[in-house]
Protein backbone atom coordinates (compact mmCIF):
# COMPACT_ATOMS: atom_id res chain seq x y z
CA MET A 1 -19.94 -13.29 8.78
CA SER A 2 -18.88 -10.68 5.84
CA TYR A 3 -15.67 -8.05 6.28
CA CYS A 4 -13.87 -5.51 4.44
CA PHE A 5 -10.99 -3.54 4.97
CA GLY A 6 -10.68 0.44 5.25
CA ILE A 7 -7.32 1.88 4.25
CA ASP A 8 -5.99 5.22 4.63
CA VAL A 9 -2.81 6.14 2.77
CA GLY A 10 -0.80 8.83 3.95
CA GLY A 11 2.87 9.85 3.33
CA THR A 12 4.51 8.63 6.24
CA SER A 13 2.04 5.67 7.28
CA VAL A 14 -0.70 3.52 5.78
CA LYS A 15 -3.42 3.20 8.60
CA MET A 16 -5.45 -0.09 7.89
CA GLY A 17 -8.53 -1.06 9.74
CA LEU A 18 -10.25 -4.40 9.61
CA PHE A 19 -14.33 -4.01 9.55
CA ARG A 20 -17.28 -6.33 9.82
CA ALA A 21 -20.11 -5.75 7.63
CA ASP A 22 -22.40 -4.19 10.17
CA GLY A 23 -19.44 -1.42 10.43
CA GLU A 24 -18.06 -2.27 13.83
CA MET A 25 -13.87 -1.92 13.22
CA ILE A 26 -12.52 -5.18 14.89
CA ASP A 27 -8.80 -4.41 14.43
CA LYS A 28 -6.48 -1.48 13.30
CA TRP A 29 -2.70 -1.15 12.72
CA GLU A 30 -0.26 0.82 10.49
CA ILE A 31 2.53 0.01 8.21
CA LYS A 32 5.14 2.34 6.64
CA SER A 33 4.49 4.02 3.53
CA ARG A 34 7.68 3.31 1.40
CA THR A 35 7.78 6.28 -1.01
CA GLU A 36 10.99 5.57 -2.39
CA ASN A 37 11.30 4.59 -6.33
CA GLY A 38 8.14 6.26 -7.17
CA GLY A 39 6.06 4.37 -4.10
CA GLU A 40 6.12 1.39 -6.35
CA ALA A 41 5.98 -0.66 -2.99
CA ILE A 42 3.11 0.86 -1.35
CA LEU A 43 0.27 -1.26 -2.99
CA PRO A 44 2.30 -4.62 -2.73
CA ASP A 45 2.90 -3.68 0.90
CA ILE A 46 -0.77 -3.10 1.38
CA SER A 47 -1.96 -6.34 -0.28
CA ASP A 48 0.88 -8.30 1.76
CA ALA A 49 -0.50 -6.45 5.28
CA ILE A 50 -4.36 -7.64 4.09
CA THR A 51 -3.17 -11.34 3.21
CA ALA A 52 -1.06 -11.62 6.61
CA LYS A 53 -4.21 -10.07 8.68
CA LEU A 54 -6.67 -12.63 6.84
CA LYS A 55 -4.56 -15.59 7.92
CA GLU A 56 -4.01 -14.31 11.33
CA ARG A 57 -7.69 -14.09 11.77
CA GLY A 58 -8.69 -17.31 10.13
CA ILE A 59 -10.94 -15.34 7.56
CA ASN A 60 -11.23 -16.82 3.99
CA THR A 61 -11.27 -14.21 1.22
CA LYS A 62 -14.61 -15.20 -0.02
CA GLU A 63 -15.92 -13.52 3.25
CA VAL A 64 -14.40 -10.29 2.20
CA LEU A 65 -16.42 -7.62 0.62
CA GLY A 66 -13.61 -5.76 -0.65
CA ILE A 67 -10.94 -3.15 0.21
CA GLY A 68 -11.84 0.93 0.31
CA MET A 69 -8.93 3.18 0.33
CA GLY A 70 -8.40 6.75 0.81
CA VAL A 71 -5.45 8.39 -1.05
CA PRO A 72 -3.81 11.88 -0.73
CA ALA A 73 -4.68 12.99 -4.53
CA PRO A 74 -7.61 13.41 -6.98
CA VAL A 75 -9.17 10.23 -7.74
CA ASN A 76 -11.56 9.55 -10.63
CA ARG A 77 -14.39 6.87 -10.67
CA GLU A 78 -12.14 4.40 -12.29
CA GLY A 79 -9.79 4.66 -9.34
CA ILE A 80 -7.34 6.33 -11.57
CA VAL A 81 -4.56 8.87 -9.64
CA LYS A 82 -2.76 11.44 -12.04
CA ALA A 83 -0.18 12.46 -9.72
CA THR A 84 0.23 12.56 -5.97
CA ALA A 85 2.36 15.16 -4.00
CA ASN A 86 3.79 12.68 -1.28
CA LEU A 87 3.62 9.38 -2.34
CA GLY A 88 5.82 9.31 -5.65
CA TRP A 89 2.89 8.28 -7.68
CA GLY A 90 2.49 9.54 -11.12
CA TYR A 91 -0.09 8.29 -13.45
CA LYS A 92 -1.47 5.14 -11.62
CA GLU A 93 -4.28 2.61 -11.85
CA VAL A 94 -4.69 2.39 -8.29
CA SER A 95 -8.01 0.37 -7.93
CA ARG A 96 -7.16 -2.09 -10.98
CA GLU A 97 -3.44 -2.58 -9.42
CA LEU A 98 -4.56 -3.59 -5.88
CA GLU A 99 -7.22 -5.90 -7.28
CA GLU A 100 -4.80 -7.72 -9.19
CA LEU A 101 -2.52 -8.00 -6.23
CA SER A 102 -4.99 -8.90 -3.64
CA GLY A 103 -7.67 -10.59 -5.83
CA LEU A 104 -10.10 -8.51 -3.88
CA LYS A 105 -12.38 -5.58 -5.13
CA VAL A 106 -11.11 -2.33 -4.51
CA VAL A 107 -13.02 1.31 -4.21
CA THR A 108 -10.83 4.08 -4.12
CA GLY A 109 -11.34 7.83 -3.09
CA ASN A 110 -9.66 11.19 -2.16
CA ASP A 111 -8.43 10.94 1.27
CA ALA A 112 -10.30 14.13 2.66
CA ASN A 113 -13.54 13.28 0.86
CA VAL A 114 -13.29 9.76 2.46
CA ALA A 115 -12.73 11.33 5.78
CA ALA A 116 -15.92 13.26 5.31
CA LEU A 117 -17.74 9.92 4.63
CA GLY A 118 -16.39 8.56 7.82
CA GLU A 119 -17.40 11.45 9.93
CA MET A 120 -20.92 11.31 8.34
CA TRP A 121 -21.36 7.56 9.10
CA LYS A 122 -19.78 7.21 12.57
CA GLY A 123 -18.56 10.64 13.89
CA GLY A 124 -19.65 14.38 14.13
CA GLY A 125 -22.15 14.02 11.10
CA LYS A 126 -23.79 10.89 12.04
CA GLY A 127 -27.51 10.95 11.42
CA HIS A 128 -26.95 13.31 8.45
CA GLU A 129 -26.75 12.68 4.67
CA ASN A 130 -26.07 16.04 3.67
CA MET A 131 -22.59 17.66 5.29
CA ILE A 132 -19.65 19.51 4.55
CA MET A 133 -16.50 18.48 6.19
CA VAL A 134 -13.70 21.05 6.61
CA THR A 135 -10.29 19.85 7.90
CA LEU A 136 -7.82 22.69 9.36
CA GLY A 137 -4.32 21.40 9.36
CA THR A 138 -1.12 22.25 7.71
CA GLY A 139 -3.74 22.83 4.68
CA VAL A 140 -7.43 23.06 4.37
CA GLY A 141 -9.03 20.14 2.97
CA GLY A 142 -12.63 19.15 2.56
CA GLY A 143 -15.14 16.83 1.67
CA ILE A 144 -18.88 17.31 0.69
CA ILE A 145 -21.43 14.39 0.95
CA VAL A 146 -24.72 14.93 -0.78
CA ASN A 147 -27.43 12.26 -0.16
CA GLY A 148 -25.10 10.09 1.57
CA SER A 149 -22.60 9.88 -1.09
CA VAL A 150 -19.18 11.80 -1.64
CA LEU A 151 -19.35 14.67 -4.26
CA SER A 152 -15.99 13.68 -6.12
CA GLY A 153 -16.47 15.16 -9.46
CA GLU A 154 -15.24 14.39 -12.92
CA ASN A 155 -11.51 14.45 -11.75
CA GLY A 156 -11.73 13.13 -8.27
CA ALA A 157 -11.28 17.03 -7.10
CA GLY A 158 -14.77 17.61 -5.68
CA GLY A 159 -14.45 19.08 -2.02
CA GLU A 160 -11.28 21.05 -2.45
CA ILE A 161 -12.76 23.75 -0.18
CA GLY A 162 -9.29 25.05 0.78
CA HIS A 163 -8.76 26.72 -2.64
CA LEU A 164 -12.02 28.57 -2.97
CA THR A 165 -10.89 32.34 -3.44
CA VAL A 166 -11.59 34.37 -0.68
CA ASN A 167 -9.32 37.32 -1.04
CA ALA A 168 -8.79 38.75 -4.58
CA ASP A 169 -6.33 41.38 -3.12
CA GLU A 170 -3.86 38.70 -1.86
CA GLU A 171 -0.45 39.05 -3.02
CA GLU A 172 1.30 36.09 -1.62
CA ALA A 173 0.85 32.58 -3.16
CA CYS A 174 -0.94 29.75 -1.72
CA GLY A 175 0.86 26.52 -2.10
CA CYS A 176 -1.20 25.36 -5.12
CA GLY A 177 -0.04 28.44 -6.99
CA ARG A 178 -2.71 30.60 -6.76
CA LYS A 179 -3.66 33.59 -4.54
CA GLY A 180 -6.02 34.30 -2.14
CA CYS A 181 -7.08 30.77 -1.28
CA LEU A 182 -9.00 29.80 2.02
CA GLU A 183 -5.98 28.14 2.94
CA GLU A 184 -3.80 31.04 3.50
CA TYR A 185 -6.15 32.35 6.14
CA ALA A 186 -7.93 29.12 7.89
CA SER A 187 -5.23 26.46 7.98
CA ALA A 188 -2.88 26.20 10.93
CA THR A 189 -0.17 27.91 8.87
CA GLY A 190 -2.64 30.31 7.45
CA ILE A 191 -3.69 31.63 11.22
CA VAL A 192 0.08 32.06 11.70
CA ARG A 193 0.53 34.22 8.76
CA LEU A 194 -2.62 36.19 10.06
CA ALA A 195 -1.12 36.50 13.48
CA ALA A 196 2.41 37.79 11.97
CA ARG A 197 0.74 40.23 9.97
CA ARG A 198 -1.40 41.60 12.78
CA LEU A 199 1.29 41.83 15.14
CA GLU A 200 3.37 43.75 12.62
CA ARG A 201 0.67 46.32 12.30
CA ASP A 202 0.97 48.15 15.72
CA ASP A 203 2.41 47.55 19.05
CA LYS A 204 -0.56 46.69 20.99
CA PRO A 205 -0.02 44.74 23.99
CA SER A 206 -0.60 40.83 23.36
CA SER A 207 0.71 37.58 25.24
CA LEU A 208 1.62 36.45 21.44
CA ARG A 209 4.61 38.58 21.31
CA GLY A 210 7.88 37.26 21.87
CA HIS A 211 7.07 33.45 21.72
CA LYS A 212 6.75 31.10 18.65
CA LEU A 213 3.52 31.64 16.83
CA SER A 214 0.98 28.77 16.22
CA ALA A 215 -2.49 28.25 15.88
CA LYS A 216 -3.01 26.66 19.04
CA ALA A 217 -1.13 29.66 20.90
CA VAL A 218 -3.71 32.10 18.99
CA PHE A 219 -6.61 30.18 20.56
CA ASN A 220 -5.12 29.81 23.69
CA ALA A 221 -4.52 33.56 24.02
CA VAL A 222 -8.40 33.97 22.89
CA LYS A 223 -9.41 31.97 25.75
CA GLU A 224 -7.57 34.29 27.94
CA ASP A 225 -9.34 37.16 26.38
CA ASP A 226 -6.21 38.61 24.54
CA ALA A 227 -7.62 41.61 22.61
CA VAL A 228 -4.97 40.89 19.56
CA ALA A 229 -5.67 37.05 19.60
CA ILE A 230 -9.39 37.66 19.31
CA GLU A 231 -8.95 40.26 16.34
CA ILE A 232 -6.75 37.55 14.56
CA ALA A 233 -9.70 34.60 15.25
CA GLU A 234 -12.01 37.16 13.97
CA GLU A 235 -10.53 37.55 10.83
CA PHE A 236 -10.00 33.86 10.49
CA GLY A 237 -13.66 33.37 11.22
CA ARG A 238 -14.56 36.00 8.66
CA TYR A 239 -12.84 34.24 5.72
CA LEU A 240 -14.26 30.63 6.74
CA GLY A 241 -17.57 31.55 7.88
CA TYR A 242 -18.09 33.53 4.37
CA ALA A 243 -16.77 30.46 2.40
CA LEU A 244 -18.94 28.04 4.21
CA SER A 245 -22.06 30.50 3.36
CA ASP A 246 -21.05 30.07 -0.55
CA ILE A 247 -20.50 26.47 -0.27
CA ALA A 248 -24.15 25.98 1.46
CA VAL A 249 -25.91 27.84 -0.87
CA LEU A 250 -24.60 25.18 -3.67
CA VAL A 251 -25.09 21.85 -1.75
CA ASP A 252 -27.54 22.69 0.79
CA PRO A 253 -25.89 20.74 3.81
CA ALA A 254 -27.61 19.94 7.17
CA ILE A 255 -24.33 19.96 9.22
CA VAL A 256 -20.71 21.54 8.88
CA VAL A 257 -18.32 19.24 10.78
CA ILE A 258 -14.99 20.96 11.41
CA GLY A 259 -11.92 18.76 12.14
CA GLY A 260 -7.78 18.61 11.80
CA GLY A 261 -5.37 19.71 14.06
CA VAL A 262 -6.87 23.58 14.52
CA SER A 263 -10.19 21.94 15.66
CA LYS A 264 -8.48 20.76 18.93
CA ALA A 265 -9.43 24.42 20.09
CA GLY A 266 -12.63 23.15 20.73
CA GLU A 267 -16.02 24.89 20.35
CA ILE A 268 -14.75 28.32 20.55
CA LEU A 269 -13.96 28.06 16.99
CA PHE A 270 -17.88 28.27 16.33
CA ARG A 271 -17.69 31.63 17.97
CA PHE A 272 -15.93 33.31 15.16
CA ILE A 273 -16.92 31.06 12.39
CA GLU A 274 -20.92 30.85 13.10
CA PRO A 275 -21.79 34.63 13.19
CA ARG A 276 -20.04 35.34 9.98
CA PHE A 277 -21.80 32.43 8.27
CA ARG A 278 -25.01 33.54 9.65
CA ASP A 279 -24.43 37.20 8.34
CA ARG A 280 -24.31 36.01 4.64
CA VAL A 281 -26.16 32.46 4.62
CA PHE A 282 -28.89 32.21 2.09
CA PHE A 283 -32.14 32.08 4.14
CA ALA A 284 -32.62 28.53 3.22
CA ASN A 285 -29.60 27.27 4.96
CA LYS A 286 -29.87 29.40 8.23
CA GLU A 287 -30.53 26.39 9.98
CA MET A 288 -27.42 24.57 9.20
CA GLU A 289 -25.51 22.84 12.23
CA PHE A 290 -22.03 23.21 13.20
CA ALA A 291 -19.87 20.22 14.92
CA LEU A 292 -16.52 19.06 15.73
CA ALA A 293 -15.11 15.90 14.15
CA GLU A 294 -15.35 13.07 16.64
CA LEU A 295 -13.31 10.27 14.88
CA GLY A 296 -9.75 11.61 14.60
CA ASN A 297 -7.21 9.65 12.52
CA ASP A 298 -9.54 7.06 12.43
CA ALA A 299 -12.08 8.89 10.13
CA GLY A 300 -10.22 7.95 6.92
CA MET A 301 -10.49 4.05 7.61
CA HIS A 302 -14.15 4.48 8.65
CA GLY A 303 -14.89 6.26 5.41
CA ALA A 304 -12.79 3.87 3.02
CA ALA A 305 -15.02 0.86 4.55
CA LYS A 306 -18.05 2.72 4.19
CA LEU A 307 -17.08 3.15 0.42
CA VAL A 308 -17.30 -0.57 0.12
CA LEU A 309 -20.45 -1.10 2.17
CA ASN A 310 -22.25 1.62 0.32
């Protein structure tokens, strides 16, 4: 029997999965991400946790095909990270360092790309080899799969869907420093921004007034046929649908999978995204499907394992 590990490194915790070579996850657990002192303990902690799991399971290292790992930063094909926003790492040869610590082969990728690979393999995109994954959370993440492989690019920054420019007239800056990024309109925080702007425009009645704004509140109000909430959702859908039509003409996907916290609103999202996509899409891409992500927090572990099994 052969095994591999799928590791999803986050700013708060590291999610770890042990997989059989047939793709079945047989164990999962978490360890704390110790980001102090430049994150120097993160890789040693991962290596120690893997060693402990192998001992617990009675698995010899010769039976382990390798470690796949997703990290929240651009990663090049050599497994090198130049900087991270929330791990404390500057330039770091991630794959080489973990290989030296663990004695196992390591393959590293960007976390959003790796999660997309997981959804293609075992989740909402199962059965398709050409896929766009969009993660609508605090920001907008993304991953692009072409012919079953992650499109990572020269610097590991491929698939940064959230930083497509969708509004050249925007005056507020995105967290990346640019203006008019998709993330400013389609993320959970972006939807709140759209809602606040809409509510300030006039006094039209809405259940959103007088309450704390959130993306969840907006889509709950949409489900109650709140006219103002529907206007907000239509603006959200216009930005995201048009952006997806532009991506589709470049990579020709079979399916778009929507994940992240905003996706918990469910299929009602497609009521606003899909028509705008169909309005603008290139004729060859008109049959593209839409689906919700299915793996939740396990997507990164599955995709990381798939990096090894590929």
